[in-house]
């Protein structure tokens, strides 16, 4: 009896499927995830040998009752007030992790801004366009996708705004 191939063997996550379907150029970077590392994003930057300013983390926040995706450099933090302002809201707080996982279809540390189960409003930090390419989660821990910030913004219909802080 033939074994079914594992979906992950080819790196086929909803994020990479979405990128391929859109015909967007991207590069996958895979590394062995260390569950004891204190920061998923910093671990990715170290493992890939990429500056933390070019590796972006995907965070899910609740802005006035609406789940919203924030994509910011792992080298900094999310400014919740700036995020709320970027989407015309008043207040923002980090979303419940279980709700973020259920809504996006990804696990914490592997949430990608691409290929989410439910498309959420997305804000990309204004520092992203300064780089030719940036890296974001490809949909699982230990897998990053490198692509142009313009392609990421276009595919996610992101607002680009200064939402990160050092």
C-alpha atoms as a PDB file:
ATOM      1  CA  UNK A   1       0.000   0.000   0.000  1.00  0.00           C
ATOM      2  CA  UNK A   2       1.460   3.352  -1.059  1.00  0.00           C
ATOM      3  CA  UNK A   3       1.993   6.009   1.569  1.00  0.00           C
ATOM      4  CA  UNK A   4       0.414   9.398   1.080  1.00  0.00           C
ATOM      5  CA  UNK A   5       3.069  12.120   0.860  1.00  0.00           C
ATOM      6  CA  UNK A   6       3.102  14.572   3.734  1.00  0.00           C
ATOM      7  CA  UNK A   7       1.743  17.971   2.771  1.00  0.00           C
ATOM      8  CA  UNK A   8       4.630  19.722   4.528  1.00  0.00           C
ATOM      9  CA  UNK A   9       7.322  17.912   2.507  1.00  0.00           C
ATOM     10  CA  UNK A  10       7.005  20.389  -0.320  1.00  0.00           C
ATOM     11  CA  UNK A  11       6.535  23.288   2.074  1.00  0.00           C
ATOM     12  CA  UNK A  12       2.911  23.424   0.945  1.00  0.00           C
ATOM     13  CA  UNK A  13       1.185  25.571   3.532  1.00  0.00           C
ATOM     14  CA  UNK A  14      -1.843  27.769   2.849  1.00  0.00           C
ATOM     15  CA  UNK A  15       0.618  30.699   2.663  1.00  0.00           C
ATOM     16  CA  UNK A  16       2.812  29.115  -0.023  1.00  0.00           C
ATOM     17  CA  UNK A  17      -0.248  27.870  -1.909  1.00  0.00           C
ATOM     18  CA  UNK A  18      -1.587  31.456  -1.954  1.00  0.00           C
ATOM     19  CA  UNK A  19       1.767  32.803  -3.165  1.00  0.00           C
ATOM     20  CA  UNK A  20       2.044  30.199  -5.897  1.00  0.00           C
ATOM     21  CA  UNK A  21      -1.548  30.793  -7.038  1.00  0.00           C
ATOM     22  CA  UNK A  22      -0.861  34.536  -7.215  1.00  0.00           C
ATOM     23  CA  UNK A  23       2.276  33.952  -9.297  1.00  0.00           C
ATOM     24  CA  UNK A  24       4.410  35.901  -6.820  1.00  0.00           C
ATOM     25  CA  UNK A  25       8.174  35.349  -6.644  1.00  0.00           C
ATOM     26  CA  UNK A  26       9.282  34.098  -3.241  1.00  0.00           C
ATOM     27  CA  UNK A  27      11.983  32.056  -1.540  1.00  0.00           C
ATOM     28  CA  UNK A  28      11.337  29.538   1.219  1.00  0.00           C
ATOM     29  CA  UNK A  29      13.719  29.275   4.156  1.00  0.00           C
ATOM     30  CA  UNK A  30      13.454  26.232   6.391  1.00  0.00           C
ATOM     31  CA  UNK A  31      15.209  25.697   9.708  1.00  0.00           C
ATOM     32  CA  UNK A  32      14.927  23.422  12.721  1.00  0.00           C
ATOM     33  CA  UNK A  33      12.682  25.148  15.259  1.00  0.00           C
ATOM     34  CA  UNK A  34      13.955  25.056  18.844  1.00  0.00           C
ATOM     35  CA  UNK A  35      10.933  25.043  21.199  1.00  0.00           C
ATOM     36  CA  UNK A  36      13.114  26.413  24.024  1.00  0.00           C
ATOM     37  CA  UNK A  37      14.036  29.597  22.118  1.00  0.00           C
ATOM     38  CA  UNK A  38      12.419  32.629  23.793  1.00  0.00           C
ATOM     39  CA  UNK A  39      11.439  34.394  20.517  1.00  0.00           C
ATOM     40  CA  UNK A  40      10.115  32.777  17.335  1.00  0.00           C
ATOM     41  CA  UNK A  41      11.109  35.777  15.221  1.00  0.00           C
ATOM     42  CA  UNK A  42      14.606  36.210  16.614  1.00  0.00           C
ATOM     43  CA  UNK A  43      15.141  32.471  16.238  1.00  0.00           C
ATOM     44  CA  UNK A  44      14.176  32.743  12.559  1.00  0.00           C
ATOM     45  CA  UNK A  45      16.533  35.686  11.980  1.00  0.00           C
ATOM     46  CA  UNK A  46      19.432  33.864  13.661  1.00  0.00           C
ATOM     47  CA  UNK A  47      18.766  30.574  11.862  1.00  0.00           C
ATOM     48  CA  UNK A  48      18.587  32.251   8.447  1.00  0.00           C
ATOM     49  CA  UNK A  49      21.452  34.672   9.079  1.00  0.00           C
ATOM     50  CA  UNK A  50      19.152  37.595   8.214  1.00  0.00           C
ATOM     51  CA  UNK A  51      19.044  40.961   9.958  1.00  0.00           C
ATOM     52  CA  UNK A  52      16.152  41.124  12.479  1.00  0.00           C
ATOM     53  CA  UNK A  53      15.048  44.362  10.766  1.00  0.00           C
ATOM     54  CA  UNK A  54      14.182  42.266   7.660  1.00  0.00           C
ATOM     55  CA  UNK A  55      12.359  39.485   9.524  1.00  0.00           C
ATOM     56  CA  UNK A  56       8.773  40.415  10.370  1.00  0.00           C
ATOM     57  CA  UNK A  57       6.465  38.829  12.925  1.00  0.00           C
ATOM     58  CA  UNK A  58       2.737  38.460  12.397  1.00  0.00           C
ATOM     59  CA  UNK A  59       0.659  39.498  15.390  1.00  0.00           C
ATOM     60  CA  UNK A  60      -3.097  39.435  15.788  1.00  0.00           C
ATOM     61  CA  UNK A  61      -4.756  42.216  17.758  1.00  0.00           C
ATOM     62  CA  UNK A  62      -8.313  43.154  18.583  1.00  0.00           C
ATOM     63  CA  UNK A  63      -9.077  46.670  17.368  1.00  0.00           C
ATOM     64  CA  UNK A  64     -12.472  47.828  18.615  1.00  0.00           C
ATOM     65  CA  UNK A  65     -13.811  44.266  18.371  1.00  0.00           C
ATOM     66  CA  UNK A  66     -12.273  43.448  14.977  1.00  0.00           C
ATOM     67  CA  UNK A  67      -9.337  41.050  14.724  1.00  0.00           C
ATOM     68  CA  UNK A  68      -6.544  42.807  12.853  1.00  0.00           C
ATOM     69  CA  UNK A  69      -3.167  41.551  11.658  1.00  0.00           C
ATOM     70  CA  UNK A  70      -0.034  43.576  12.393  1.00  0.00           C
ATOM     71  CA  UNK A  71       3.214  42.757  10.588  1.00  0.00           C
ATOM     72  CA  UNK A  72       6.217  44.314  12.346  1.00  0.00           C
ATOM     73  CA  UNK A  73       9.989  43.706  12.505  1.00  0.00           C
ATOM     74  CA  UNK A  74      11.048  41.112  15.079  1.00  0.00           C
ATOM     75  CA  UNK A  75      13.672  43.642  16.210  1.00  0.00           C
ATOM     76  CA  UNK A  76      10.944  45.832  17.716  1.00  0.00           C
ATOM     77  CA  UNK A  77       7.478  45.827  19.197  1.00  0.00           C
ATOM     78  CA  UNK A  78       3.968  46.578  18.044  1.00  0.00           C
ATOM     79  CA  UNK A  79       2.610  50.001  18.967  1.00  0.00           C
ATOM     80  CA  UNK A  80      -1.034  49.148  19.692  1.00  0.00           C
ATOM     81  CA  UNK A  81      -2.154  52.780  19.654  1.00  0.00           C
ATOM     82  CA  UNK A  82      -0.572  53.285  16.203  1.00  0.00           C
ATOM     83  CA  UNK A  83      -2.206  50.073  14.950  1.00  0.00           C
ATOM     84  CA  UNK A  84      -5.648  51.254  16.067  1.00  0.00           C
ATOM     85  CA  UNK A  85      -5.062  54.611  14.405  1.00  0.00           C
ATOM     86  CA  UNK A  86      -3.904  52.966  11.145  1.00  0.00           C
ATOM     87  CA  UNK A  87      -7.244  51.196  10.741  1.00  0.00           C
ATOM     88  CA  UNK A  88      -9.401  54.044  12.023  1.00  0.00           C
ATOM     89  CA  UNK A  89      -9.953  52.489  15.439  1.00  0.00           C
ATOM     90  CA  UNK A  90      -9.736  53.800  18.954  1.00  0.00           C
ATOM     91  CA  UNK A  91      -8.380  50.936  21.048  1.00  0.00           C
ATOM     92  CA  UNK A  92      -6.268  47.889  20.340  1.00  0.00           C
ATOM     93  CA  UNK A  93      -5.191  44.981  22.516  1.00  0.00           C
ATOM     94  CA  UNK A  94      -3.459  41.740  21.702  1.00  0.00           C
ATOM     95  CA  UNK A  95      -5.978  39.083  20.678  1.00  0.00           C
ATOM     96  CA  UNK A  96      -6.506  35.933  22.688  1.00  0.00           C
ATOM     97  CA  UNK A  97      -3.927  33.453  21.273  1.00  0.00           C
ATOM     98  CA  UNK A  98      -6.494  30.643  20.919  1.00  0.00           C
ATOM     99  CA  UNK A  99      -8.854  32.953  19.004  1.00  0.00           C
ATOM    100  CA  UNK A 100      -5.985  34.111  16.771  1.00  0.00           C
ATOM    101  CA  UNK A 101      -5.095  30.487  16.003  1.00  0.00           C
ATOM    102  CA  UNK A 102      -8.702  29.479  15.267  1.00  0.00           C
ATOM    103  CA  UNK A 103      -9.338  32.511  13.073  1.00  0.00           C
ATOM    104  CA  UNK A 104      -6.115  32.360  11.036  1.00  0.00           C
ATOM    105  CA  UNK A 105      -5.777  28.574  10.868  1.00  0.00           C
ATOM    106  CA  UNK A 106      -2.175  28.773  12.056  1.00  0.00           C
ATOM    107  CA  UNK A 107      -0.439  28.067  15.382  1.00  0.00           C
ATOM    108  CA  UNK A 108       1.280  30.747  17.452  1.00  0.00           C
ATOM    109  CA  UNK A 109       4.818  31.211  16.210  1.00  0.00           C
ATOM    110  CA  UNK A 110       3.710  30.108  12.761  1.00  0.00           C
ATOM    111  CA  UNK A 111       0.953  32.610  11.953  1.00  0.00           C
ATOM    112  CA  UNK A 112       1.462  33.925   8.444  1.00  0.00           C
ATOM    113  CA  UNK A 113      -0.125  37.077   7.065  1.00  0.00           C
ATOM    114  CA  UNK A 114      -0.809  35.025   3.921  1.00  0.00           C
ATOM    115  CA  UNK A 115      -3.326  32.249   3.308  1.00  0.00           C
ATOM    116  CA  UNK A 116      -5.279  32.770   6.502  1.00  0.00           C
ATOM    117  CA  UNK A 117      -8.531  30.888   7.032  1.00  0.00           C
ATOM    118  CA  UNK A 118     -10.373  34.204   7.299  1.00  0.00           C
ATOM    119  CA  UNK A 119      -8.967  37.334   5.658  1.00  0.00           C
ATOM    120  CA  UNK A 120      -8.376  39.948   8.335  1.00  0.00           C
ATOM    121  CA  UNK A 121      -7.565  43.643   7.987  1.00  0.00           C
ATOM    122  CA  UNK A 122      -3.769  43.838   7.786  1.00  0.00           C
ATOM    123  CA  UNK A 123      -1.274  46.585   8.580  1.00  0.00           C
ATOM    124  CA  UNK A 124       2.357  46.314   7.457  1.00  0.00           C
ATOM    125  CA  UNK A 125       4.915  48.424   9.290  1.00  0.00           C
ATOM    126  CA  UNK A 126       6.192  51.415   7.320  1.00  0.00           C
ATOM    127  CA  UNK A 127       9.788  50.154   7.661  1.00  0.00           C
ATOM    128  CA  UNK A 128       9.106  47.230   5.296  1.00  0.00           C
ATOM    129  CA  UNK A 129       9.331  49.115   1.950  1.00  0.00           C
ATOM    130  CA  UNK A 130      12.899  50.179   2.815  1.00  0.00           C
ATOM    131  CA  UNK A 131      13.988  46.573   2.125  1.00  0.00           C
ATOM    132  CA  UNK A 132      14.095  44.818  -1.245  1.00  0.00           C
ATOM    133  CA  UNK A 133      12.745  41.694   0.448  1.00  0.00           C
ATOM    134  CA  UNK A 134      11.446  40.795   3.890  1.00  0.00           C
ATOM    135  CA  UNK A 135      10.767  37.479   5.594  1.00  0.00           C
ATOM    136  CA  UNK A 136       7.483  36.457   7.227  1.00  0.00           C
ATOM    137  CA  UNK A 137       6.208  33.145   8.530  1.00  0.00           C
ATOM    138  CA  UNK A 138       5.229  30.742   5.783  1.00  0.00           C
ATOM    139  CA  UNK A 139       2.618  29.130   8.005  1.00  0.00           C
ATOM    140  CA  UNK A 140       4.499  26.916  10.407  1.00  0.00           C
ATOM    141  CA  UNK A 141       7.284  27.186  12.930  1.00  0.00           C
ATOM    142  CA  UNK A 142      10.633  26.741  11.200  1.00  0.00           C
ATOM    143  CA  UNK A 143       9.453  27.917   7.777  1.00  0.00           C
ATOM    144  CA  UNK A 144       9.811  31.495   6.522  1.00  0.00           C
ATOM    145  CA  UNK A 145       8.973  33.011   3.165  1.00  0.00           C
ATOM    146  CA  UNK A 146      11.041  35.836   1.677  1.00  0.00           C
ATOM    147  CA  UNK A 147       9.241  38.189  -0.699  1.00  0.00           C
ATOM    148  CA  UNK A 148       9.028  41.831  -1.667  1.00  0.00           C
ATOM    149  CA  UNK A 149       7.154  44.091   0.764  1.00  0.00           C
ATOM    150  CA  UNK A 150       5.075  45.383  -2.168  1.00  0.00           C
ATOM    151  CA  UNK A 151       3.915  41.852  -3.013  1.00  0.00           C
ATOM    152  CA  UNK A 152       3.053  41.168   0.636  1.00  0.00           C
ATOM    153  CA  UNK A 153       1.100  44.418   0.903  1.00  0.00           C
ATOM    154  CA  UNK A 154      -0.731  43.718  -2.344  1.00  0.00           C
ATOM    155  CA  UNK A 155      -1.679  40.121  -1.515  1.00  0.00           C
ATOM    156  CA  UNK A 156      -2.909  40.968   1.981  1.00  0.00           C
ATOM    157  CA  UNK A 157      -4.460  44.304   0.932  1.00  0.00           C
ATOM    158  CA  UNK A 158      -2.409  45.791   3.759  1.00  0.00           C
ATOM    159  CA  UNK A 159      -2.324  49.361   4.908  1.00  0.00           C
ATOM    160  CA  UNK A 160       1.309  50.471   5.284  1.00  0.00           C
ATOM    161  CA  UNK A 161       1.745  52.554   8.426  1.00  0.00           C
ATOM    162  CA  UNK A 162       4.292  53.194  11.198  1.00  0.00           C
ATOM    163  CA  UNK A 163       3.060  50.613  13.740  1.00  0.00           C
ATOM    164  CA  UNK A 164       6.379  49.298  15.038  1.00  0.00           C
ATOM    165  CA  UNK A 165       8.632  50.770  17.660  1.00  0.00           C
ATOM    166  CA  UNK A 166      12.162  49.926  18.717  1.00  0.00           C
END
